[in-house]
C-alpha atoms as a PDB file:
ATOM      1  CA  MET A   1       0.201   0.088   0.129  1.00  0.00           C
ATOM      2  CA  ASN A   2       3.112   2.100   0.092  1.00  0.00           C
ATOM      3  CA  TYR A   3       5.172   3.952  -2.236  1.00  0.00           C
ATOM      4  CA  PHE A   4       8.648   5.300  -2.100  1.00  0.00           C
ATOM      5  CA  GLY A   5       9.343   8.953  -3.486  1.00  0.00           C
ATOM      6  CA  SER A   6      11.804  11.156  -3.691  1.00  0.00           C
ATOM      7  CA  VAL A   7      11.916  14.835  -5.122  1.00  0.00           C
ATOM      8  CA  GLY A   8      14.967  16.334  -6.305  1.00  0.00           C
ATOM      9  CA  CYS A   9      16.744  16.821  -9.233  1.00  0.00           C
ATOM     10  CA  GLY A  10      19.074  13.921 -11.425  1.00  0.00           C
ATOM     11  CA  ASN A  11      19.682  11.985  -7.934  1.00  0.00           C
ATOM     12  CA  LEU A  12      19.075   8.328  -8.271  1.00  0.00           C
ATOM     13  CA  ALA A  13      17.786   6.940  -4.591  1.00  0.00           C
ATOM     14  CA  THR A  14      17.452   3.796  -3.400  1.00  0.00           C
ATOM     15  CA  ILE A  15      15.819   1.871  -0.428  1.00  0.00           C
ATOM     16  CA  LEU A  16      17.527  -1.112   1.053  1.00  0.00           C
ATOM     17  CA  ARG A  17      16.081  -3.084   3.720  1.00  0.00           C
ATOM     18  CA  SER A  18      19.871  -3.594   4.706  1.00  0.00           C
ATOM     19  CA  GLU A  19      23.170  -2.501   3.491  1.00  0.00           C
ATOM     20  CA  ALA A  20      22.977  -4.803  -0.017  1.00  0.00           C
ATOM     21  CA  ASP A  21      19.406  -5.911  -0.137  1.00  0.00           C
ATOM     22  CA  SER A  22      17.608  -2.910  -2.719  1.00  0.00           C
ATOM     23  CA  LEU A  23      14.234  -3.118  -2.259  1.00  0.00           C
ATOM     24  CA  GLY A  24      13.876  -0.628  -5.158  1.00  0.00           C
ATOM     25  CA  ASP A  25      14.522   2.448  -6.812  1.00  0.00           C
ATOM     26  CA  CYS A  26      13.937   5.782  -8.673  1.00  0.00           C
ATOM     27  CA  ILE A  27      15.594   8.506 -10.287  1.00  0.00           C
ATOM     28  CA  GLN A  28      14.479  12.182 -10.117  1.00  0.00           C
ATOM     29  CA  PRO A  29      14.032  13.609 -13.495  1.00  0.00           C
ATOM     30  CA  ARG A  30      17.410  16.379 -14.725  1.00  0.00           C
ATOM     31  CA  CYS A  31      15.978  19.984 -13.837  1.00  0.00           C
ATOM     32  CA  ASP A  32      16.479  22.690 -16.317  1.00  0.00           C
ATOM     33  CA  ASP A  33      17.697  26.140 -15.437  1.00  0.00           C
ATOM     34  CA  GLY A  34      15.413  27.676 -13.576  1.00  0.00           C
ATOM     35  CA  ALA A  35      12.712  24.758 -13.058  1.00  0.00           C
ATOM     36  CA  SER A  36      11.760  24.008  -9.602  1.00  0.00           C
ATOM     37  CA  GLU A  37      12.408  20.396  -8.092  1.00  0.00           C
ATOM     38  CA  SER A  38      10.801  17.181  -9.837  1.00  0.00           C
ATOM     39  CA  GLY A  39      10.730  13.951  -8.196  1.00  0.00           C
ATOM     40  CA  CYS A  40      10.318  10.448  -8.898  1.00  0.00           C
ATOM     41  CA  PHE A  41       8.338   7.137  -6.569  1.00  0.00           C
ATOM     42  CA  THR A  42       8.393   3.339  -7.088  1.00  0.00           C
ATOM     43  CA  GLU A  43       6.308   0.762  -5.485  1.00  0.00           C
ATOM     44  CA  ILE A  44       7.338  -1.254  -2.268  1.00  0.00           C
ATOM     45  CA  THR A  45       6.298  -4.719  -2.415  1.00  0.00           C
ATOM     46  CA  ALA A  46       8.350  -5.840   0.953  1.00  0.00           C
ATOM     47  CA  ASN A  47       7.301  -5.410   4.006  1.00  0.00           C
ATOM     48  CA  LEU A  48       9.329  -3.506   6.546  1.00  0.00           C
ATOM     49  CA  THR A  49      10.757  -3.208  10.566  1.00  0.00           C
ATOM     50  CA  SER A  50      13.131  -0.528   8.960  1.00  0.00           C
ATOM     51  CA  TYR A  51      15.687   0.913   6.111  1.00  0.00           C
ATOM     52  CA  THR A  52      17.760   2.831   4.777  1.00  0.00           C
ATOM     53  CA  VAL A  53      17.999   5.352   1.825  1.00  0.00           C
ATOM     54  CA  LYS A  54      21.162   5.988  -0.152  1.00  0.00           C
ATOM     55  CA  MET A  55      21.398   8.942  -2.943  1.00  0.00           C
ATOM     56  CA  ARG A  56      23.862   9.541  -5.988  1.00  0.00           C
ATOM     57  CA  ALA A  57      23.920  11.938  -7.780  1.00  0.00           C
ATOM     58  CA  MET A  58      23.124  10.746 -11.748  1.00  0.00           C
ATOM     59  CA  TYR A  59      24.467  13.856 -13.804  1.00  0.00           C
ATOM     60  CA  PRO A  60      27.656  16.060 -12.908  1.00  0.00           C
ATOM     61  CA  ASP A  61      25.747  19.125 -13.057  1.00  0.00           C
ATOM     62  CA  SER A  62      22.784  17.480 -10.508  1.00  0.00           C
ATOM     63  CA  LYS A  63      21.929  19.771  -7.799  1.00  0.00           C
ATOM     64  CA  GLY A  64      22.909  18.077  -4.159  1.00  0.00           C
ATOM     65  CA  CYS A  65      19.910  18.295  -2.292  1.00  0.00           C
ATOM     66  CA  ALA A  66      16.802  15.771  -2.462  1.00  0.00           C
ATOM     67  CA  SER A  67      14.548  13.995   0.129  1.00  0.00           C
ATOM     68  CA  ALA A  68      13.266  10.771  -0.116  1.00  0.00           C
ATOM     69  CA  PHE A  69      10.066   9.257   1.842  1.00  0.00           C
ATOM     70  CA  ILE A  70       7.804   6.426   1.775  1.00  0.00           C
ATOM     71  CA  PHE A  71       3.831   7.117   1.211  1.00  0.00           C
ATOM     72  CA  SER A  72       0.629   6.353   0.778  1.00  0.00           C
ATOM     73  CA  LYS A  73      -1.235   6.285  -2.739  1.00  0.00           C
ATOM     74  CA  TYR A  74      -4.782   6.546  -0.895  1.00  0.00           C
ATOM     75  CA  SER A  75      -3.899   9.347   0.690  1.00  0.00           C
ATOM     76  CA  PHE A  76      -3.686  11.238  -2.212  1.00  0.00           C
ATOM     77  CA  ARG A  77      -6.268  11.791  -4.841  1.00  0.00           C
ATOM     78  CA  ASP A  78      -4.095  12.342  -8.179  1.00  0.00           C
ATOM     79  CA  ALA A  79      -4.097   9.947 -10.837  1.00  0.00           C
ATOM     80  CA  TYR A  80       0.007  10.788 -10.810  1.00  0.00           C
ATOM     81  CA  PRO A  81       1.153   9.211  -7.523  1.00  0.00           C
ATOM     82  CA  LEU A  82       3.584  11.030  -6.409  1.00  0.00           C
ATOM     83  CA  PRO A  83       1.953  13.750  -4.029  1.00  0.00           C
ATOM     84  CA  SER A  84       1.723  17.247  -5.597  1.00  0.00           C
ATOM     85  CA  GLY A  85       2.985  19.667  -2.981  1.00  0.00           C
ATOM     86  CA  ILE A  86       5.921  17.479  -1.961  1.00  0.00           C
ATOM     87  CA  ASN A  87       8.780  19.109  -1.652  1.00  0.00           C
ATOM     88  CA  LYS A  88      12.635  18.982  -0.157  1.00  0.00           C
ATOM     89  CA  GLY A  89      10.978  20.944   3.081  1.00  0.00           C
ATOM     90  CA  THR A  90       8.376  18.773   3.311  1.00  0.00           C
ATOM     91  CA  THR A  91       8.422  16.892   7.239  1.00  0.00           C
ATOM     92  CA  HIS A  92       5.300  14.581   7.079  1.00  0.00           C
ATOM     93  CA  VAL A  93       3.939  12.372   4.922  1.00  0.00           C
ATOM     94  CA  PRO A  94       0.948  10.119   5.049  1.00  0.00           C
ATOM     95  CA  ALA A  95       1.987   6.280   5.075  1.00  0.00           C
ATOM     96  CA  VAL A  96       0.213   2.805   5.801  1.00  0.00           C
ATOM     97  CA  LEU A  97       1.011   0.976   8.853  1.00  0.00           C
ATOM     98  CA  ASN A  98      -0.239  -2.390   9.265  1.00  0.00           C
ATOM     99  CA  TRP A  99       0.579  -5.153  11.946  1.00  0.00           C
ATOM    100  CA  ASN A 100      -0.164  -8.513  12.658  1.00  0.00           C
ATOM    101  CA  SER A 101      -2.986  -8.410  15.501  1.00  0.00           C
ATOM    102  CA  SER A 102      -2.964 -12.295  15.794  1.00  0.00           C
ATOM    103  CA  TYR A 103       0.234 -12.966  17.689  1.00  0.00           C
ATOM    104  CA  CYS A 104      -0.483 -14.500  20.938  1.00  0.00           C
ATOM    105  CA  GLY A 105       3.171 -15.248  22.762  1.00  0.00           C
ATOM    106  CA  GLU A 106       4.459 -14.790  25.854  1.00  0.00           C
ATOM    107  CA  GLY A 107       4.158 -10.879  27.030  1.00  0.00           C
END
């Protein structure tokens, strides 16, 4: 139910379960002079307990600042899943949290 998204200009954003276990990535479009930042997204198909993100510039003139996040596509009405209004300064994005409520172990 969640997607991995990233905003910035010309970076490869990768979400990892561990240092070597990539769950997906996306490449932000290259921004032309005077253009605002743009973004990319990919669906997450794995269950996560934690994750890390790596960013890598894809072009020599890529701008260094970028942001990455997990978000729920169901929280937005747009046909294009990357939410509008998201930028490098965004601090909160809706996501879906599920857990297994049938665990009956000790404690």
